[in-house]
Amino acid sequence: MSVQIYAETDPGLQRAHNEDSVAFDVPSGLCILADGMGGHKAGEVASGMASAFLKSELREWVNQSGRSASRAEVRMAVERAIAQANSAIYNMSKSSARYSGMGTTLVTGLFHENALVLAHIGDSRCYRLRGEQLEQLTKDHSVHQEQVDAGLRGAGPASREQKLVTRALGVDERAEIDVETLETAPGDIYLMCSDGLSDMVENGAIAAILRNSGNIAQRVKHLVNAANAAGGRDNISVLIAEVDAPREPGLLNAARRMLSSVWSG
């Protein structure tokens, strides 16, 4: 399995600075997206720390031992790196009033063989387009989602208060992360995004762009543009990872047979 990855982050139209951060590493199949929170640009610090730390740690782990690792070992490596990132952000927030209370959402994925280890906290999301079907793979950790789960309201738009996240990286000594291992299939398209996209663009429009907007770099740009066209009220981060079909031995065998017939003829 090989994976193409591309990402962009944009401040949007109404924010003075960008507190989102994205990072990826194609050779190791690593994807990271974070949306920071906290005053005095502390959210920008938290998201940047998360993405930089996870990229460094997980890329090094894949290069050293991850190529031959089991799925369980990949999951453990992701969980360990996130726990270390949480500690780093939490300790910095306690070391200075400037960074007090800072934190970040996080969605990160590590592709390994025919699987994706997906971890998230907060309300940044991961979707999968398989064939014509777009599916949200993550569930928001937010007041709104808790009310939906409790049957107190429908799944419609959330107010500002309801959008408050109930979990984030770096705000507590230990972070409660949701982690799962998913089987991948050739042609799968995985979209990671901050709420600057998901709040502004309906799922149907997101799916249409993923299906019909050229290569992954063009699709990323079209999604960012769609969020800005809808008002761009928040920072917008978009990462797309597309699983390529493996090269089939049958094609190589067919080529060999063709060459053999030409040679014998």
C-alpha atoms as a PDB file:
ATOM      1  CA  MET A   1       0.000   0.000   0.000  1.00  0.00           C
ATOM      2  CA  SER A   2       1.179   3.512  -0.807  1.00  0.00           C
ATOM      3  CA  VAL A   3      -0.435   6.746   0.331  1.00  0.00           C
ATOM      4  CA  GLN A   4      -0.460  10.217  -1.192  1.00  0.00           C
ATOM      5  CA  ILE A   5      -0.808  13.042   1.352  1.00  0.00           C
ATOM      6  CA  TYR A   6      -1.276  16.794   1.026  1.00  0.00           C
ATOM      7  CA  ALA A   7      -2.381  19.497   3.490  1.00  0.00           C
ATOM      8  CA  GLU A   8      -2.922  23.229   3.813  1.00  0.00           C
ATOM      9  CA  THR A   9      -3.906  25.570   6.632  1.00  0.00           C
ATOM     10  CA  ASP A  10      -5.486  28.991   6.144  1.00  0.00           C
ATOM     11  CA  PRO A  11      -6.385  31.723   8.669  1.00  0.00           C
ATOM     12  CA  GLY A  12      -9.845  32.210   7.162  1.00  0.00           C
ATOM     13  CA  LEU A  13     -11.449  35.596   6.680  1.00  0.00           C
ATOM     14  CA  GLN A  14     -12.254  36.703  10.229  1.00  0.00           C
ATOM     15  CA  ARG A  15      -9.314  35.676  12.440  1.00  0.00           C
ATOM     16  CA  ALA A  16      -6.205  37.795  12.991  1.00  0.00           C
ATOM     17  CA  HIS A  17      -3.902  34.783  13.232  1.00  0.00           C
ATOM     18  CA  ASN A  18      -3.917  31.049  12.655  1.00  0.00           C
ATOM     19  CA  GLU A  19      -4.002  28.685  15.646  1.00  0.00           C
ATOM     20  CA  ASP A  20      -4.230  25.548  13.489  1.00  0.00           C
ATOM     21  CA  SER A  21      -1.246  23.395  12.596  1.00  0.00           C
ATOM     22  CA  VAL A  22      -0.817  20.546  10.106  1.00  0.00           C
ATOM     23  CA  ALA A  23       2.070  18.188   9.423  1.00  0.00           C
ATOM     24  CA  PHE A  24       2.592  15.025   7.418  1.00  0.00           C
ATOM     25  CA  ASP A  25       5.315  12.676   6.247  1.00  0.00           C
ATOM     26  CA  VAL A  26       4.597  10.632   3.136  1.00  0.00           C
ATOM     27  CA  PRO A  27       7.356   7.998   3.525  1.00  0.00           C
ATOM     28  CA  SER A  28       6.135   7.029   6.997  1.00  0.00           C
ATOM     29  CA  GLY A  29       2.411   7.439   6.188  1.00  0.00           C
ATOM     30  CA  LEU A  30       1.938   9.979   8.964  1.00  0.00           C
ATOM     31  CA  CYS A  31      -0.816  12.633   9.128  1.00  0.00           C
ATOM     32  CA  ILE A  32      -1.321  15.248  11.889  1.00  0.00           C
ATOM     33  CA  LEU A  33      -3.826  18.075  12.293  1.00  0.00           C
ATOM     34  CA  ALA A  34      -4.320  20.244  15.395  1.00  0.00           C
ATOM     35  CA  ASP A  35      -6.532  23.222  16.273  1.00  0.00           C
ATOM     36  CA  GLY A  36      -5.171  25.196  19.234  1.00  0.00           C
ATOM     37  CA  MET A  37      -6.976  27.144  21.934  1.00  0.00           C
ATOM     38  CA  GLY A  38      -5.832  29.720  24.478  1.00  0.00           C
ATOM     39  CA  GLY A  39      -5.263  33.478  24.666  1.00  0.00           C
ATOM     40  CA  HIS A  40      -2.195  35.481  23.646  1.00  0.00           C
ATOM     41  CA  LYS A  41      -1.513  33.113  20.753  1.00  0.00           C
ATOM     42  CA  ALA A  42      -1.068  30.225  23.213  1.00  0.00           C
ATOM     43  CA  GLY A  43      -3.332  28.057  21.069  1.00  0.00           C
ATOM     44  CA  GLU A  44      -0.909  28.517  18.202  1.00  0.00           C
ATOM     45  CA  VAL A  45       1.899  27.351  20.498  1.00  0.00           C
ATOM     46  CA  ALA A  46      -0.044  24.267  21.643  1.00  0.00           C
ATOM     47  CA  SER A  47      -1.026  23.110  18.153  1.00  0.00           C
ATOM     48  CA  GLY A  48       2.463  23.761  16.824  1.00  0.00           C
ATOM     49  CA  MET A  49       4.033  21.790  19.663  1.00  0.00           C
ATOM     50  CA  ALA A  50       1.678  18.868  19.074  1.00  0.00           C
ATOM     51  CA  SER A  51       2.275  18.630  15.332  1.00  0.00           C
ATOM     52  CA  ALA A  52       6.054  19.139  15.534  1.00  0.00           C
ATOM     53  CA  PHE A  53       6.536  16.677  18.395  1.00  0.00           C
ATOM     54  CA  LEU A  54       4.384  13.936  16.881  1.00  0.00           C
ATOM     55  CA  LYS A  55       5.968  14.276  13.457  1.00  0.00           C
ATOM     56  CA  SER A  56       9.470  14.027  14.907  1.00  0.00           C
ATOM     57  CA  GLU A  57       8.753  11.151  17.288  1.00  0.00           C
ATOM     58  CA  LEU A  58       6.609   8.988  15.025  1.00  0.00           C
ATOM     59  CA  ARG A  59       8.715   9.480  11.911  1.00  0.00           C
ATOM     60  CA  GLU A  60      11.797   8.409  13.861  1.00  0.00           C
ATOM     61  CA  TRP A  61       9.955   5.411  15.309  1.00  0.00           C
ATOM     62  CA  VAL A  62       8.765   4.268  11.873  1.00  0.00           C
ATOM     63  CA  ASN A  63      12.267   4.603  10.436  1.00  0.00           C
ATOM     64  CA  GLN A  64      13.855   2.669  13.284  1.00  0.00           C
ATOM     65  CA  SER A  65      11.406  -0.122  14.012  1.00  0.00           C
ATOM     66  CA  GLY A  66       7.970   0.614  12.610  1.00  0.00           C
ATOM     67  CA  ARG A  67       8.406  -1.031   9.211  1.00  0.00           C
ATOM     68  CA  SER A  68       8.231  -4.520  10.694  1.00  0.00           C
ATOM     69  CA  ALA A  69       5.971  -3.674  13.649  1.00  0.00           C
ATOM     70  CA  SER A  70       2.651  -5.363  14.360  1.00  0.00           C
ATOM     71  CA  ARG A  71      -0.576  -3.393  14.369  1.00  0.00           C
ATOM     72  CA  ALA A  72      -0.619  -3.513  18.162  1.00  0.00           C
ATOM     73  CA  GLU A  73       2.889  -2.077  18.280  1.00  0.00           C
ATOM     74  CA  VAL A  74       1.933   0.725  15.880  1.00  0.00           C
ATOM     75  CA  ARG A  75      -1.025   1.614  18.069  1.00  0.00           C
ATOM     76  CA  MET A  76       1.147   1.608  21.183  1.00  0.00           C
ATOM     77  CA  ALA A  77       3.682   3.884  19.485  1.00  0.00           C
ATOM     78  CA  VAL A  78       0.956   6.379  18.527  1.00  0.00           C
ATOM     79  CA  GLU A  79      -0.550   6.351  22.021  1.00  0.00           C
ATOM     80  CA  ARG A  80       2.856   6.788  23.653  1.00  0.00           C
ATOM     81  CA  ALA A  81       3.822   9.719  21.403  1.00  0.00           C
ATOM     82  CA  ILE A  82       0.511  11.481  22.047  1.00  0.00           C
ATOM     83  CA  ALA A  83       0.874  11.004  25.805  1.00  0.00           C
ATOM     84  CA  GLN A  84       4.346  12.548  25.629  1.00  0.00           C
ATOM     85  CA  ALA A  85       3.046  15.471  23.558  1.00  0.00           C
ATOM     86  CA  ASN A  86       0.267  16.015  26.091  1.00  0.00           C
ATOM     87  CA  SER A  87       2.806  16.146  28.930  1.00  0.00           C
ATOM     88  CA  ALA A  88       4.993  18.634  27.050  1.00  0.00           C
ATOM     89  CA  ILE A  89       2.079  21.002  26.373  1.00  0.00           C
ATOM     90  CA  TYR A  90       0.666  20.627  29.890  1.00  0.00           C
ATOM     91  CA  ASN A  91       4.033  21.322  31.537  1.00  0.00           C
ATOM     92  CA  MET A  92       4.593  24.418  29.405  1.00  0.00           C
ATOM     93  CA  SER A  93       1.113  25.700  30.268  1.00  0.00           C
ATOM     94  CA  LYS A  94       2.010  25.414  33.960  1.00  0.00           C
ATOM     95  CA  SER A  95       5.404  27.054  33.559  1.00  0.00           C
ATOM     96  CA  SER A  96       4.180  30.465  32.423  1.00  0.00           C
ATOM     97  CA  ALA A  97       1.061  32.559  32.884  1.00  0.00           C
ATOM     98  CA  ARG A  98       1.366  33.440  29.204  1.00  0.00           C
ATOM     99  CA  TYR A  99       0.500  29.846  28.275  1.00  0.00           C
ATOM    100  CA  SER A 100      -1.898  29.068  31.119  1.00  0.00           C
ATOM    101  CA  GLY A 101      -4.850  26.964  30.001  1.00  0.00           C
ATOM    102  CA  MET A 102      -3.628  26.377  26.479  1.00  0.00           C
ATOM    103  CA  GLY A 103      -4.505  23.186  24.676  1.00  0.00           C
ATOM    104  CA  THR A 104      -5.284  21.790  21.272  1.00  0.00           C
ATOM    105  CA  THR A 105      -7.535  19.385  19.471  1.00  0.00           C
ATOM    106  CA  LEU A 106      -5.753  16.628  17.597  1.00  0.00           C
ATOM    107  CA  VAL A 107      -6.467  14.126  14.856  1.00  0.00           C
ATOM    108  CA  THR A 108      -3.575  11.989  13.726  1.00  0.00           C
ATOM    109  CA  GLY A 109      -3.241   8.894  11.600  1.00  0.00           C
ATOM    110  CA  LEU A 110      -0.443   6.470  10.844  1.00  0.00           C
ATOM    111  CA  PHE A 111      -0.860   4.224   7.815  1.00  0.00           C
ATOM    112  CA  HIS A 112       0.775   0.817   8.213  1.00  0.00           C
ATOM    113  CA  GLU A 113       0.444  -2.047   5.752  1.00  0.00           C
ATOM    114  CA  ASN A 114      -3.311  -2.261   5.014  1.00  0.00           C
ATOM    115  CA  ALA A 115      -4.490  -0.367   8.086  1.00  0.00           C
ATOM    116  CA  LEU A 116      -4.786   3.106   9.559  1.00  0.00           C
ATOM    117  CA  VAL A 117      -4.220   3.749  13.251  1.00  0.00           C
ATOM    118  CA  LEU A 118      -6.424   6.788  13.892  1.00  0.00           C
ATOM    119  CA  ALA A 119      -6.336   8.838  17.113  1.00  0.00           C
ATOM    120  CA  HIS A 120      -8.231  11.993  18.024  1.00  0.00           C
ATOM    121  CA  ILE A 121      -9.260  14.319  20.812  1.00  0.00           C
ATOM    122  CA  GLY A 122     -11.526  17.364  20.577  1.00  0.00           C
ATOM    123  CA  ASP A 123     -13.649  18.350  17.588  1.00  0.00           C
ATOM    124  CA  SER A 124     -11.216  18.125  14.689  1.00  0.00           C
ATOM    125  CA  ARG A 125     -12.452  15.330  12.464  1.00  0.00           C
ATOM    126  CA  CYS A 126     -11.511  12.522  10.121  1.00  0.00           C
ATOM    127  CA  TYR A 127     -13.798  11.439   7.285  1.00  0.00           C
ATOM    128  CA  ARG A 128     -13.414   8.586   4.806  1.00  0.00           C
ATOM    129  CA  LEU A 129     -14.703   8.555   1.250  1.00  0.00           C
ATOM    130  CA  ARG A 130     -14.984   4.954   0.087  1.00  0.00           C
ATOM    131  CA  GLY A 131     -16.597   4.664  -3.305  1.00  0.00           C
ATOM    132  CA  GLU A 132     -19.469   7.153  -3.212  1.00  0.00           C
ATOM    133  CA  GLN A 133     -19.983   7.008   0.563  1.00  0.00           C
ATOM    134  CA  LEU A 134     -18.601   9.705   2.879  1.00  0.00           C
ATOM    135  CA  GLU A 135     -18.406   8.590   6.513  1.00  0.00           C
ATOM    136  CA  GLN A 136     -17.334  10.538   9.583  1.00  0.00           C
ATOM    137  CA  LEU A 137     -14.894   8.260  11.417  1.00  0.00           C
ATOM    138  CA  THR A 138     -14.422  10.376  14.552  1.00  0.00           C
ATOM    139  CA  LYS A 139     -16.953  11.601  17.089  1.00  0.00           C
ATOM    140  CA  ASP A 140     -16.561  15.144  18.433  1.00  0.00           C
ATOM    141  CA  HIS A 141     -15.659  15.588  22.077  1.00  0.00           C
ATOM    142  CA  SER A 142     -17.940  18.588  22.607  1.00  0.00           C
ATOM    143  CA  VAL A 143     -20.891  19.779  24.674  1.00  0.00           C
ATOM    144  CA  HIS A 144     -23.053  19.586  21.553  1.00  0.00           C
ATOM    145  CA  GLN A 145     -22.161  15.946  20.859  1.00  0.00           C
ATOM    146  CA  GLU A 146     -22.735  14.964  24.483  1.00  0.00           C
ATOM    147  CA  GLN A 147     -26.211  16.522  24.320  1.00  0.00           C
ATOM    148  CA  VAL A 148     -26.933  14.669  21.070  1.00  0.00           C
ATOM    149  CA  ASP A 149     -25.759  11.375  22.596  1.00  0.00           C
ATOM    150  CA  ALA A 150     -27.957  11.970  25.647  1.00  0.00           C
ATOM    151  CA  GLY A 151     -31.000  12.602  23.449  1.00  0.00           C
ATOM    152  CA  LEU A 152     -31.328  16.194  24.631  1.00  0.00           C
ATOM    153  CA  ARG A 153     -31.151  17.693  21.134  1.00  0.00           C
ATOM    154  CA  GLY A 154     -30.902  16.771  17.477  1.00  0.00           C
ATOM    155  CA  ALA A 155     -27.760  16.733  15.383  1.00  0.00           C
ATOM    156  CA  GLY A 156     -28.359  20.206  13.900  1.00  0.00           C
ATOM    157  CA  PRO A 157     -26.122  23.268  14.122  1.00  0.00           C
ATOM    158  CA  ALA A 158     -24.533  24.004  17.496  1.00  0.00           C
ATOM    159  CA  SER A 159     -24.454  27.313  19.357  1.00  0.00           C
ATOM    160  CA  ARG A 160     -21.155  28.866  20.414  1.00  0.00           C
ATOM    161  CA  GLU A 161     -21.563  27.486  23.937  1.00  0.00           C
ATOM    162  CA  GLN A 162     -22.480  24.022  22.685  1.00  0.00           C
ATOM    163  CA  LYS A 163     -19.355  23.944  20.529  1.00  0.00           C
ATOM    164  CA  LEU A 164     -17.088  24.012  23.578  1.00  0.00           C
ATOM    165  CA  VAL A 165     -14.828  20.965  23.539  1.00  0.00           C
ATOM    166  CA  THR A 166     -14.945  18.582  26.497  1.00  0.00           C
ATOM    167  CA  ARG A 167     -11.506  17.066  25.858  1.00  0.00           C
ATOM    168  CA  ALA A 168      -8.281  18.567  24.515  1.00  0.00           C
ATOM    169  CA  LEU A 169      -4.589  17.778  24.422  1.00  0.00           C
ATOM    170  CA  GLY A 170      -2.459  19.526  27.053  1.00  0.00           C
ATOM    171  CA  VAL A 171      -5.168  20.733  29.443  1.00  0.00           C
ATOM    172  CA  ASP A 172      -4.841  17.843  31.932  1.00  0.00           C
ATOM    173  CA  GLU A 173      -1.941  15.696  33.106  1.00  0.00           C
ATOM    174  CA  ARG A 174      -3.404  12.793  31.166  1.00  0.00           C
ATOM    175  CA  ALA A 175      -5.314  13.040  27.904  1.00  0.00           C
ATOM    176  CA  GLU A 176      -8.253  10.769  27.117  1.00  0.00           C
ATOM    177  CA  ILE A 177      -7.674   9.894  23.467  1.00  0.00           C
ATOM    178  CA  ASP A 178      -9.913   7.812  21.199  1.00  0.00           C
ATOM    179  CA  VAL A 179      -7.788   5.372  19.164  1.00  0.00           C
ATOM    180  CA  GLU A 180      -8.883   2.754  16.642  1.00  0.00           C
ATOM    181  CA  THR A 181      -7.323   0.637  13.917  1.00  0.00           C
ATOM    182  CA  LEU A 182      -9.180   0.659  10.600  1.00  0.00           C
ATOM    183  CA  GLU A 183      -8.774  -1.553   7.557  1.00  0.00           C
ATOM    184  CA  THR A 184      -7.949   0.452   4.444  1.00  0.00           C
ATOM    185  CA  ALA A 185      -8.906  -0.298   0.848  1.00  0.00           C
ATOM    186  CA  PRO A 186      -7.410   0.850  -2.476  1.00  0.00           C
ATOM    187  CA  GLY A 187      -8.997   4.137  -3.512  1.00  0.00           C
ATOM    188  CA  ASP A 188      -9.939   5.214   0.021  1.00  0.00           C
ATOM    189  CA  ILE A 189      -9.722   8.969   0.572  1.00  0.00           C
ATOM    190  CA  TYR A 190      -9.223  10.163   4.161  1.00  0.00           C
ATOM    191  CA  LEU A 191      -9.973  13.782   5.039  1.00  0.00           C
ATOM    192  CA  MET A 192      -8.774  15.348   8.281  1.00  0.00           C
ATOM    193  CA  CYS A 193     -10.021  18.848   9.045  1.00  0.00           C
ATOM    194  CA  SER A 194     -10.505  21.464  11.719  1.00  0.00           C
ATOM    195  CA  ASP A 195     -13.966  22.823  12.473  1.00  0.00           C
ATOM    196  CA  GLY A 196     -13.184  25.769  10.221  1.00  0.00           C
ATOM    197  CA  LEU A 197     -14.131  23.432   7.383  1.00  0.00           C
ATOM    198  CA  SER A 198     -16.754  21.161   8.951  1.00  0.00           C
ATOM    199  CA  ASP A 199     -18.753  24.089  10.404  1.00  0.00           C
ATOM    200  CA  MET A 200     -18.815  25.958   7.101  1.00  0.00           C
ATOM    201  CA  VAL A 201     -19.273  23.297   4.402  1.00  0.00           C
ATOM    202  CA  GLU A 202     -21.976  20.624   4.367  1.00  0.00           C
ATOM    203  CA  ASN A 203     -20.983  16.977   4.093  1.00  0.00           C
ATOM    204  CA  GLY A 204     -22.585  16.649   0.677  1.00  0.00           C
ATOM    205  CA  ALA A 205     -20.459  19.483  -0.704  1.00  0.00           C
ATOM    206  CA  ILE A 206     -17.341  18.028   0.939  1.00  0.00           C
ATOM    207  CA  ALA A 207     -18.037  14.649  -0.682  1.00  0.00           C
ATOM    208  CA  ALA A 208     -18.588  16.226  -4.093  1.00  0.00           C
ATOM    209  CA  ILE A 209     -15.246  18.031  -3.910  1.00  0.00           C
ATOM    210  CA  LEU A 210     -13.444  14.887  -2.809  1.00  0.00           C
ATOM    211  CA  ARG A 211     -14.934  12.957  -5.734  1.00  0.00           C
ATOM    212  CA  ASN A 212     -14.581  15.485  -8.514  1.00  0.00           C
ATOM    213  CA  SER A 213     -11.871  18.073  -7.947  1.00  0.00           C
ATOM    214  CA  GLY A 214      -8.694  16.701  -9.506  1.00  0.00           C
ATOM    215  CA  ASN A 215      -5.584  15.604  -7.639  1.00  0.00           C
ATOM    216  CA  ILE A 216      -5.337  15.776  -3.858  1.00  0.00           C
ATOM    217  CA  ALA A 217      -3.625  19.181  -3.830  1.00  0.00           C
ATOM    218  CA  GLN A 218      -6.448  20.634  -5.918  1.00  0.00           C
ATOM    219  CA  ARG A 219      -9.072  19.023  -3.690  1.00  0.00           C
ATOM    220  CA  VAL A 220      -7.439  20.472  -0.572  1.00  0.00           C
ATOM    221  CA  LYS A 221      -7.410  23.945  -2.142  1.00  0.00           C
ATOM    222  CA  HIS A 222     -11.047  23.638  -3.257  1.00  0.00           C
ATOM    223  CA  LEU A 223     -12.142  22.677   0.269  1.00  0.00           C
ATOM    224  CA  VAL A 224     -10.293  25.639   1.800  1.00  0.00           C
ATOM    225  CA  ASN A 225     -11.821  27.940  -0.827  1.00  0.00           C
ATOM    226  CA  ALA A 226     -15.301  26.536  -0.136  1.00  0.00           C
ATOM    227  CA  ALA A 227     -14.957  27.287   3.594  1.00  0.00           C
ATOM    228  CA  ASN A 228     -13.837  30.835   2.857  1.00  0.00           C
ATOM    229  CA  ALA A 229     -16.625  31.294   0.326  1.00  0.00           C
ATOM    230  CA  ALA A 230     -19.104  30.325   3.062  1.00  0.00           C
ATOM    231  CA  GLY A 231     -17.745  33.036   5.350  1.00  0.00           C
ATOM    232  CA  GLY A 232     -14.389  31.754   6.619  1.00  0.00           C
ATOM    233  CA  ARG A 233     -15.314  32.402  10.253  1.00  0.00           C
ATOM    234  CA  ASP A 234     -12.478  30.314  11.684  1.00  0.00           C
ATOM    235  CA  ASN A 235      -9.046  29.006  10.768  1.00  0.00           C
ATOM    236  CA  ILE A 236      -9.310  26.274   8.128  1.00  0.00           C
ATOM    237  CA  SER A 237      -7.061  23.227   8.010  1.00  0.00           C
ATOM    238  CA  VAL A 238      -7.466  20.402   5.522  1.00  0.00           C
ATOM    239  CA  LEU A 239      -5.401  17.253   5.038  1.00  0.00           C
ATOM    240  CA  ILE A 240      -6.166  14.569   2.468  1.00  0.00           C
ATOM    241  CA  ALA A 241      -4.589  11.120   2.308  1.00  0.00           C
ATOM    242  CA  GLU A 242      -5.428   8.864  -0.628  1.00  0.00           C
ATOM    243  CA  VAL A 243      -4.652   5.155  -0.638  1.00  0.00           C
ATOM    244  CA  ASP A 244      -3.257   3.941  -3.952  1.00  0.00           C
ATOM    245  CA  ALA A 245      -4.007   0.533  -5.381  1.00  0.00           C
ATOM    246  CA  PRO A 246      -1.022  -1.791  -4.975  1.00  0.00           C
ATOM    247  CA  ARG A 247       0.819  -2.849  -8.080  1.00  0.00           C
ATOM    248  CA  GLU A 248      -0.622  -6.190  -9.054  1.00  0.00           C
ATOM    249  CA  PRO A 249       1.735  -9.078  -9.775  1.00  0.00           C
ATOM    250  CA  GLY A 250      -0.705 -10.137 -12.470  1.00  0.00           C
ATOM    251  CA  LEU A 251       0.166  -7.094 -14.538  1.00  0.00           C
ATOM    252  CA  LEU A 252       3.858  -7.918 -14.320  1.00  0.00           C
ATOM    253  CA  ASN A 253       3.168 -11.506 -15.300  1.00  0.00           C
ATOM    254  CA  ALA A 254       1.103 -10.349 -18.263  1.00  0.00           C
ATOM    255  CA  ALA A 255       3.936  -8.110 -19.376  1.00  0.00           C
ATOM    256  CA  ARG A 256       6.408 -10.982 -19.096  1.00  0.00           C
ATOM    257  CA  ARG A 257       4.127 -13.236 -21.159  1.00  0.00           C
ATOM    258  CA  MET A 258       3.814 -10.554 -23.808  1.00  0.00           C
ATOM    259  CA  LEU A 259       7.581 -10.130 -24.027  1.00  0.00           C
ATOM    260  CA  SER A 260       8.004 -13.883 -24.100  1.00  0.00           C
ATOM    261  CA  SER A 261       5.560 -14.280 -26.998  1.00  0.00           C
ATOM    262  CA  VAL A 262       7.241 -11.497 -28.934  1.00  0.00           C
ATOM    263  CA  TRP A 263      10.667 -13.075 -28.320  1.00  0.00           C
ATOM    264  CA  SER A 264       9.492 -16.592 -29.314  1.00  0.00           C
ATOM    265  CA  GLY A 265       7.682 -15.210 -32.348  1.00  0.00           C
END
